[in-house]
Amino acid sequence: MSDTLPELRATLSELVALDTTSSRPNAPLVDLASGRLEAAGFQVERVRYRDEAGVEKVNLVAVKGGGGEERAGLALVGHTDCVPYDAAWTEALRLTERDGRLYGRGACDTKGFIACALYAATHFTGRLKAPLMVLLTADEEVGCEGAKHLVALGKGRARHAIVGEPTSLVPVRAHKGYCLAEVEVQGREGHSAYPDEGASAIFRAGRFLQKLETLARTRLREERDESFEPPFTTVNVGLISGGKAPNVISGACRFTVEWRPIPRQPKERVLELLESIRHELVRDEPGYEARIRLLRTEPAVDTRADAEVVRVLAELSGNAPITVPFGTEAPQLTELGAQAVVFGPGDIRVAHQTGEYVPMEDLVRCEAYLTRAIAHFCGAAIQGSTY
């Protein structure tokens, strides 16, 4: 296997050893990356903020070359945070090798990509005609909060961006958005032996949900983007709670609605449907009361299949670009002015699991592709078509 593998594996081992669960500080990983990038001549900026729990988080913006141009020619983007791991996974923070795979929390999502990006960026020996950027973010797993802070500050601008996620080295040019809303339905408590003396919030919520399911299976499926599977905006209700006891008529019921809008469809479309359901139920049922609270709206991204960054990664990897239903930081990079593609080693289907892993061959190939992408967008081949 490639001579790069030992260093890639060593770097990944160091990254995995750092517990960067989203609830914890990510500064140790940023410090590790900063040291390597600064030693390679990058100008490093740490962009700090505090999360909702008051924990300090750090985004890293590292730039090299290009004669002071305002935007980087290429940004390599990786998120530093990971989802929590099960305490029973005793080797979660110790990289282990088995059958050509490297196991550990974050090995796939996305420390494998970060290891490749750091190696490619710090070992590139060509002259940089356009700035090269390495962008490491915090809190992607809990709402892309780090990337949103960068957008608010206008930091991280690039012409092209490779957003690291486990795509099995298949370029992803588009993905759906991600939105959440909470619906709280009010009732009137009473003794369950006398149902007419109260009003069950749970029964009322059931009527709301029945209408939502009907609209999700009819109206939302009329607007389609056939490049996705499924080719329409999906709706899910994954959380519901209500009531105090089996013999008490429930006074309140809450449920969370998740929807993933296809590109070019207003991300508020489902919110409008929720409001229409509420108005219909209030009209038809005296005393019906429900409140709808928007929790999160992440936009979709839809980079053209013929965009240069998509074409380059497709030709390098030999894989045609695809779309996916899960979200990434590509919308934030797009908002900062980049043509963005999502790309990286490992398979999303093993991310967020006990036993998460990345194939060693994926690491080797990913680093090689990133090095050639740097040469194309920032180096001597920037004006040509070879890489």
Protein backbone atom coordinates (compact mmCIF):
# COMPACT_ATOMS: atom_id res chain seq x y z
CA MET A 1 0.00 0.00 0.00
CA SER A 2 1.04 3.62 -0.45
CA ASP A 3 3.95 5.17 1.44
CA THR A 4 1.50 7.76 2.78
CA LEU A 5 -0.46 5.23 4.83
CA PRO A 6 1.78 5.10 7.93
CA GLU A 7 1.59 8.88 8.42
CA LEU A 8 -2.13 9.00 7.64
CA ARG A 9 -2.75 6.23 10.16
CA ALA A 10 -0.57 7.93 12.79
CA THR A 11 -2.40 11.24 12.35
CA LEU A 12 -5.78 9.55 12.49
CA SER A 13 -4.73 7.76 15.67
CA GLU A 14 -3.91 11.12 17.28
CA LEU A 15 -7.22 12.61 16.15
CA VAL A 16 -9.31 9.68 17.37
CA ALA A 17 -7.59 9.79 20.77
CA LEU A 18 -9.06 13.27 21.32
CA ASP A 19 -12.62 13.09 22.64
CA THR A 20 -14.38 15.75 20.56
CA THR A 21 -17.94 14.75 21.33
CA SER A 22 -20.04 17.81 20.49
CA SER A 23 -20.70 18.55 24.17
CA ARG A 24 -16.96 18.89 24.85
CA PRO A 25 -14.33 21.47 23.84
CA ASN A 26 -12.68 20.82 20.48
CA ALA A 27 -9.63 23.02 21.14
CA PRO A 28 -7.19 20.08 21.58
CA LEU A 29 -7.85 18.91 18.02
CA VAL A 30 -7.63 22.45 16.66
CA ASP A 31 -4.33 22.91 18.48
CA LEU A 32 -2.94 19.73 16.95
CA ALA A 33 -3.99 20.75 13.44
CA SER A 34 -2.80 24.34 13.93
CA GLY A 35 0.70 23.21 14.86
CA ARG A 36 1.07 21.15 11.71
CA LEU A 37 -0.38 23.80 9.44
CA GLU A 38 1.70 26.62 10.93
CA ALA A 39 4.85 24.51 10.54
CA ALA A 40 3.97 24.16 6.84
CA GLY A 41 3.63 27.93 6.38
CA PHE A 42 -0.12 28.43 6.81
CA GLN A 43 -1.51 31.57 8.40
CA VAL A 44 -3.84 30.29 11.11
CA GLU A 45 -6.83 32.03 12.66
CA ARG A 46 -8.86 30.59 15.52
CA VAL A 47 -12.48 31.75 15.52
CA ARG A 48 -13.90 31.16 19.00
CA TYR A 49 -17.46 31.13 20.30
CA ARG A 50 -19.44 29.55 23.12
CA ASP A 51 -22.17 27.01 22.54
CA GLU A 52 -25.56 27.06 24.27
CA ALA A 53 -24.09 25.27 27.29
CA GLY A 54 -21.31 27.84 27.61
CA VAL A 55 -18.58 25.50 26.32
CA GLU A 56 -15.92 27.26 24.25
CA LYS A 57 -15.65 25.99 20.69
CA VAL A 58 -13.09 26.87 18.03
CA ASN A 59 -13.26 27.05 14.24
CA LEU A 60 -9.91 26.98 12.46
CA VAL A 61 -9.28 28.99 9.28
CA ALA A 62 -5.82 28.26 7.84
CA VAL A 63 -4.65 29.83 4.56
CA LYS A 64 -1.45 29.57 2.57
CA GLY A 65 -0.23 31.17 -0.65
CA GLY A 66 -1.96 33.08 -3.40
CA GLY A 67 -0.54 36.56 -2.98
CA GLY A 68 -3.27 37.93 -0.72
CA GLU A 69 -6.31 37.07 -2.86
CA GLU A 70 -9.58 37.59 -1.03
CA ARG A 71 -10.93 34.09 -1.67
CA ALA A 72 -9.13 30.77 -1.54
CA GLY A 73 -8.94 28.77 -4.73
CA LEU A 74 -9.89 25.65 -2.76
CA ALA A 75 -11.06 24.98 0.80
CA LEU A 76 -10.74 21.55 2.41
CA VAL A 77 -13.47 21.47 5.06
CA GLY A 78 -13.82 19.03 7.94
CA HIS A 79 -15.89 19.08 11.12
CA THR A 80 -14.02 18.30 14.32
CA ASP A 81 -16.92 17.13 16.47
CA CYS A 82 -18.29 13.62 16.81
CA VAL A 83 -21.47 12.06 18.12
CA PRO A 84 -21.32 10.43 21.59
CA TYR A 85 -20.08 6.86 21.90
CA ASP A 86 -21.35 4.00 24.02
CA ALA A 87 -19.33 3.51 27.21
CA ALA A 88 -19.24 -0.21 26.40
CA TRP A 89 -17.07 0.59 23.36
CA THR A 90 -13.86 0.62 25.37
CA GLU A 91 -11.65 1.19 22.31
CA ALA A 92 -13.64 4.15 20.97
CA LEU A 93 -10.72 6.54 21.51
CA ARG A 94 -7.98 4.10 20.54
CA LEU A 95 -7.53 3.51 16.82
CA THR A 96 -7.49 -0.20 16.10
CA GLU A 97 -6.79 -2.03 12.85
CA ARG A 98 -8.64 -5.09 11.64
CA ASP A 99 -9.07 -6.56 8.15
CA GLY A 100 -7.87 -3.45 6.36
CA ARG A 101 -10.10 -1.15 8.40
CA LEU A 102 -9.28 1.44 11.06
CA TYR A 103 -11.81 1.55 13.90
CA GLY A 104 -12.52 4.40 16.33
CA ARG A 105 -15.04 7.15 17.07
CA GLY A 106 -14.75 9.69 14.28
CA ALA A 107 -12.52 7.51 12.10
CA CYS A 108 -15.22 7.64 9.45
CA ASP A 109 -17.07 10.84 10.38
CA THR A 110 -14.89 12.87 9.73
CA LYS A 111 -11.44 12.50 11.24
CA GLY A 112 -10.37 10.25 8.37
CA PHE A 113 -10.98 13.12 5.97
CA ILE A 114 -9.21 15.59 8.29
CA ALA A 115 -6.14 13.33 8.40
CA CYS A 116 -6.09 13.25 4.59
CA ALA A 117 -6.61 17.01 4.31
CA LEU A 118 -3.82 17.80 6.77
CA TYR A 119 -1.42 15.50 4.95
CA ALA A 120 -2.29 16.80 1.49
CA ALA A 121 -2.13 20.45 2.56
CA THR A 122 1.13 20.23 4.50
CA HIS A 123 2.96 18.03 2.00
CA PHE A 124 2.01 19.90 -1.16
CA THR A 125 5.27 21.08 -2.71
CA GLY A 126 4.03 22.99 -5.74
CA ARG A 127 3.82 26.76 -5.96
CA LEU A 128 0.40 28.02 -4.91
CA LYS A 129 -0.98 30.41 -7.51
CA ALA A 130 -4.25 30.70 -5.58
CA PRO A 131 -4.70 30.46 -1.80
CA LEU A 132 -5.27 27.05 -0.27
CA MET A 133 -7.53 26.91 2.79
CA VAL A 134 -8.02 24.27 5.45
CA LEU A 135 -11.23 24.92 7.36
CA LEU A 136 -12.03 22.94 10.51
CA THR A 137 -15.38 23.55 12.15
CA ALA A 138 -17.11 22.82 15.44
CA ASP A 139 -20.60 21.53 16.20
CA GLU A 140 -21.59 20.16 12.81
CA GLU A 141 -23.33 17.23 14.48
CA VAL A 142 -25.65 19.53 16.46
CA GLY A 143 -26.74 21.87 13.70
CA CYS A 144 -23.66 23.11 11.79
CA GLU A 145 -23.28 25.79 14.46
CA GLY A 146 -19.59 26.40 13.84
CA ALA A 147 -20.09 26.87 10.11
CA LYS A 148 -22.97 29.25 10.82
CA HIS A 149 -20.69 31.38 12.98
CA LEU A 150 -18.24 31.58 10.09
CA VAL A 151 -21.02 32.64 7.72
CA ALA A 152 -22.11 35.36 10.14
CA LEU A 153 -18.54 36.68 10.23
CA GLY A 154 -17.90 36.24 6.50
CA LYS A 155 -14.89 33.99 7.17
CA GLY A 156 -13.96 30.94 5.12
CA ARG A 157 -14.58 32.33 1.64
CA ALA A 158 -13.40 30.15 -1.23
CA ARG A 159 -14.14 29.65 -4.91
CA HIS A 160 -14.37 25.88 -4.52
CA ALA A 161 -14.85 23.69 -1.46
CA ILE A 162 -14.51 19.99 -0.74
CA VAL A 163 -16.64 19.28 2.33
CA GLY A 164 -15.42 16.17 4.06
CA GLU A 165 -18.02 13.53 4.83
CA PRO A 166 -18.00 9.72 4.45
CA THR A 167 -19.22 9.29 0.86
CA SER A 168 -17.14 6.22 -0.08
CA LEU A 169 -15.15 8.58 -2.33
CA VAL A 170 -18.21 9.35 -4.45
CA PRO A 171 -18.71 13.08 -5.11
CA VAL A 172 -22.02 14.34 -3.72
CA ARG A 173 -23.23 17.42 -5.55
CA ALA A 174 -26.60 17.95 -3.84
CA HIS A 175 -28.51 17.06 -0.72
CA LYS A 176 -31.82 17.82 0.93
CA GLY A 177 -32.34 20.37 3.68
CA TYR A 178 -33.17 19.58 7.28
CA CYS A 179 -35.94 21.25 9.30
CA LEU A 180 -37.59 20.70 12.67
CA ALA A 181 -40.70 22.09 14.35
CA GLU A 182 -42.41 21.31 17.64
CA VAL A 183 -46.18 21.14 17.83
CA GLU A 184 -47.82 21.44 21.25
CA VAL A 185 -51.50 20.53 21.39
CA GLN A 186 -53.51 21.68 24.40
CA GLY A 187 -56.35 19.79 26.06
CA ARG A 188 -58.25 19.96 29.32
CA GLU A 189 -57.40 17.59 32.15
CA GLY A 190 -60.04 15.56 33.92
CA HIS A 191 -60.92 12.18 35.36
CA SER A 192 -60.77 9.51 32.67
CA ALA A 193 -64.09 8.07 33.89
CA TYR A 194 -65.81 11.26 32.69
CA PRO A 195 -64.37 11.92 29.21
CA ASP A 196 -66.89 14.64 28.36
CA GLU A 197 -65.67 16.72 31.31
CA GLY A 198 -62.23 17.13 29.72
CA ALA A 199 -60.58 17.21 26.31
CA SER A 200 -57.78 14.80 25.49
CA ALA A 201 -54.72 16.54 24.05
CA ILE A 202 -53.46 13.17 22.86
CA PHE A 203 -56.63 12.47 20.86
CA ARG A 204 -56.40 15.99 19.45
CA ALA A 205 -52.77 15.40 18.50
CA GLY A 206 -53.82 12.19 16.80
CA ARG A 207 -56.24 14.10 14.59
CA PHE A 208 -53.46 16.56 13.74
CA LEU A 209 -51.04 13.74 12.88
CA GLN A 210 -53.59 11.95 10.70
CA LYS A 211 -53.99 15.05 8.56
CA LEU A 212 -50.22 15.56 8.42
CA GLU A 213 -49.64 12.01 7.25
CA THR A 214 -52.24 12.44 4.50
CA LEU A 215 -50.64 15.64 3.23
CA ALA A 216 -47.17 14.09 3.40
CA ARG A 217 -48.33 11.17 1.26
CA THR A 218 -50.20 13.30 -1.25
CA ARG A 219 -49.41 16.98 -1.69
CA LEU A 220 -45.69 16.80 -0.80
CA ARG A 221 -45.15 13.95 -3.26
CA GLU A 222 -46.45 16.09 -6.12
CA GLU A 223 -43.30 18.24 -6.08
CA ARG A 224 -40.43 16.03 -7.15
CA ASP A 225 -36.73 16.03 -7.93
CA GLU A 226 -35.99 12.74 -9.64
CA SER A 227 -32.26 12.97 -8.87
CA PHE A 228 -33.07 12.06 -5.24
CA GLU A 229 -34.27 8.84 -3.65
CA PRO A 230 -36.95 9.34 -2.49
CA PRO A 231 -37.56 12.18 -4.97
CA PHE A 232 -39.77 14.32 -2.72
CA THR A 233 -39.69 16.09 0.63
CA THR A 234 -40.01 13.54 3.41
CA VAL A 235 -41.76 14.10 6.75
CA ASN A 236 -41.20 12.22 10.00
CA VAL A 237 -42.59 12.47 13.52
CA GLY A 238 -39.93 10.82 15.64
CA LEU A 239 -40.77 12.16 19.09
CA ILE A 240 -44.06 12.46 20.94
CA SER A 241 -44.94 12.89 24.61
CA GLY A 242 -48.02 13.75 26.63
CA GLY A 243 -50.22 12.98 29.59
CA LYS A 244 -49.59 12.38 33.28
CA ALA A 245 -51.22 9.05 34.14
CA PRO A 246 -53.37 6.35 32.55
CA ASN A 247 -56.47 7.58 34.40
CA VAL A 248 -56.02 11.30 33.68
CA ILE A 249 -57.33 12.96 30.52
CA SER A 250 -54.19 14.43 28.99
CA GLY A 251 -53.86 18.21 29.14
CA ALA A 252 -50.95 18.57 26.73
CA CYS A 253 -49.23 16.60 23.99
CA ARG A 254 -46.05 17.56 22.13
CA PHE A 255 -44.52 16.06 19.04
CA THR A 256 -41.57 16.95 16.84
CA VAL A 257 -41.94 17.13 13.06
CA GLU A 258 -38.84 16.65 10.91
CA TRP A 259 -38.80 17.32 7.19
CA ARG A 260 -36.08 17.20 4.54
CA PRO A 261 -36.94 19.57 1.70
CA ILE A 262 -35.72 18.95 -1.82
CA PRO A 263 -33.67 21.74 -3.43
CA ARG A 264 -35.59 24.69 -4.88
CA GLN A 265 -38.61 23.95 -2.71
CA PRO A 266 -39.12 26.58 0.01
CA LYS A 267 -37.95 25.04 3.26
CA GLU A 268 -41.02 26.63 4.91
CA ARG A 269 -43.44 24.56 2.80
CA VAL A 270 -44.08 21.98 5.53
CA LEU A 271 -44.39 24.72 8.14
CA GLU A 272 -47.14 26.24 6.00
CA LEU A 273 -48.87 22.86 5.87
CA LEU A 274 -48.67 22.56 9.66
CA GLU A 275 -50.29 25.97 10.02
CA SER A 276 -53.03 25.03 7.55
CA ILE A 277 -53.79 21.89 9.56
CA ARG A 278 -53.97 23.90 12.77
CA HIS A 279 -56.35 26.44 11.23
CA GLU A 280 -58.58 23.65 9.87
CA LEU A 281 -58.79 21.91 13.24
CA VAL A 282 -59.48 25.18 15.11
CA ARG A 283 -62.24 25.96 12.62
CA ASP A 284 -63.87 22.55 12.91
CA GLU A 285 -63.46 21.89 16.63
CA PRO A 286 -64.43 24.51 19.24
CA GLY A 287 -61.71 24.90 21.85
CA TYR A 288 -59.01 23.24 19.77
CA GLU A 289 -55.64 24.83 20.57
CA ALA A 290 -52.18 24.07 19.16
CA ARG A 291 -48.92 26.00 19.02
CA ILE A 292 -46.25 25.47 16.38
CA ARG A 293 -42.65 26.43 17.08
CA LEU A 294 -39.95 26.31 14.39
CA LEU A 295 -36.76 24.80 15.81
CA ARG A 296 -34.37 24.48 12.89
CA THR A 297 -34.13 25.19 9.17
CA GLU A 298 -31.09 23.96 7.28
CA PRO A 299 -31.17 24.67 3.54
CA ALA A 300 -30.62 22.15 0.80
CA VAL A 301 -27.66 22.44 -1.56
CA ASP A 302 -27.68 21.82 -5.30
CA THR A 303 -24.33 22.26 -7.03
CA ARG A 304 -24.56 21.73 -10.79
CA ALA A 305 -23.30 18.40 -12.07
CA ASP A 306 -21.06 20.26 -14.53
CA ALA A 307 -19.56 22.57 -11.86
CA GLU A 308 -15.78 22.39 -12.00
CA VAL A 309 -15.27 21.06 -8.47
CA VAL A 310 -17.81 18.29 -9.08
CA ARG A 311 -16.30 17.39 -12.43
CA VAL A 312 -12.75 17.28 -11.05
CA LEU A 313 -13.67 14.95 -8.16
CA ALA A 314 -15.72 12.76 -10.48
CA GLU A 315 -12.83 12.38 -12.92
CA LEU A 316 -10.26 11.82 -10.18
CA SER A 317 -12.31 9.18 -8.36
CA GLY A 318 -13.91 7.61 -11.41
CA ASN A 319 -17.29 7.91 -9.69
CA ALA A 320 -20.25 9.79 -11.13
CA PRO A 321 -21.72 12.46 -8.84
CA ILE A 322 -24.80 11.61 -6.79
CA THR A 323 -27.31 13.19 -4.42
CA VAL A 324 -27.98 12.15 -0.81
CA PRO A 325 -30.80 12.78 1.70
CA PHE A 326 -28.57 13.67 4.68
CA GLY A 327 -27.26 17.15 5.48
CA THR A 328 -23.74 18.63 5.57
CA GLU A 329 -21.96 21.98 5.82
CA ALA A 330 -22.04 22.43 2.03
CA PRO A 331 -24.91 24.98 2.26
CA GLN A 332 -22.80 27.21 4.53
CA LEU A 333 -19.82 27.01 2.17
CA THR A 334 -22.16 27.83 -0.69
CA GLU A 335 -23.42 30.83 1.26
CA LEU A 336 -19.80 31.93 1.61
CA GLY A 337 -19.48 31.90 -2.17
CA ALA A 338 -18.06 28.48 -3.00
CA GLN A 339 -19.04 25.82 -5.45
CA ALA A 340 -19.19 22.93 -2.99
CA VAL A 341 -18.95 19.17 -3.32
CA VAL A 342 -19.22 16.65 -0.48
CA PHE A 343 -16.56 13.97 -0.61
CA GLY A 344 -14.54 11.75 1.67
CA PRO A 345 -13.38 8.31 2.82
CA GLY A 346 -15.63 5.83 4.59
CA ASP A 347 -19.28 4.90 4.35
CA ILE A 348 -22.01 7.03 5.99
CA ARG A 349 -23.85 3.82 6.86
CA VAL A 350 -21.21 2.92 9.48
CA ALA A 351 -20.96 6.45 10.89
CA HIS A 352 -22.56 7.18 14.29
CA GLN A 353 -22.28 3.50 15.23
CA THR A 354 -20.32 1.49 17.75
CA GLY A 355 -17.52 0.04 15.67
CA GLU A 356 -17.31 2.99 13.27
CA TYR A 357 -14.42 2.49 10.81
CA VAL A 358 -12.72 3.78 7.69
CA PRO A 359 -11.03 1.50 5.13
CA MET A 360 -7.28 2.15 4.91
CA GLU A 361 -7.46 2.06 1.12
CA ASP A 362 -10.01 4.89 1.22
CA LEU A 363 -7.56 7.05 3.19
CA VAL A 364 -4.77 6.49 0.69
CA ARG A 365 -6.96 7.23 -2.29
CA CYS A 366 -8.61 10.25 -0.66
CA GLU A 367 -5.26 11.89 0.13
CA ALA A 368 -4.10 11.35 -3.45
CA TYR A 369 -7.27 12.91 -4.85
CA LEU A 370 -7.03 15.90 -2.50
CA THR A 371 -3.40 16.49 -3.49
CA ARG A 372 -4.34 16.51 -7.16
CA ALA A 373 -7.33 18.76 -6.48
CA ILE A 374 -5.00 21.23 -4.72
CA ALA A 375 -2.74 21.19 -7.77
CA HIS A 376 -5.69 21.83 -10.06
CA PHE A 377 -7.38 24.64 -8.16
CA CYS A 378 -4.42 26.30 -6.45
CA GLY A 379 -1.23 25.11 -8.16
CA ALA A 380 0.44 25.07 -11.52
CA ALA A 381 -2.47 23.38 -13.28
CA ILE A 382 -5.03 25.95 -12.22
CA GLN A 383 -5.47 27.29 -15.75
CA GLY A 384 -5.42 23.90 -17.39
CA SER A 385 -7.46 20.74 -17.38
CA THR A 386 -4.89 18.25 -16.14
CA TYR A 387 -4.52 17.16 -12.56
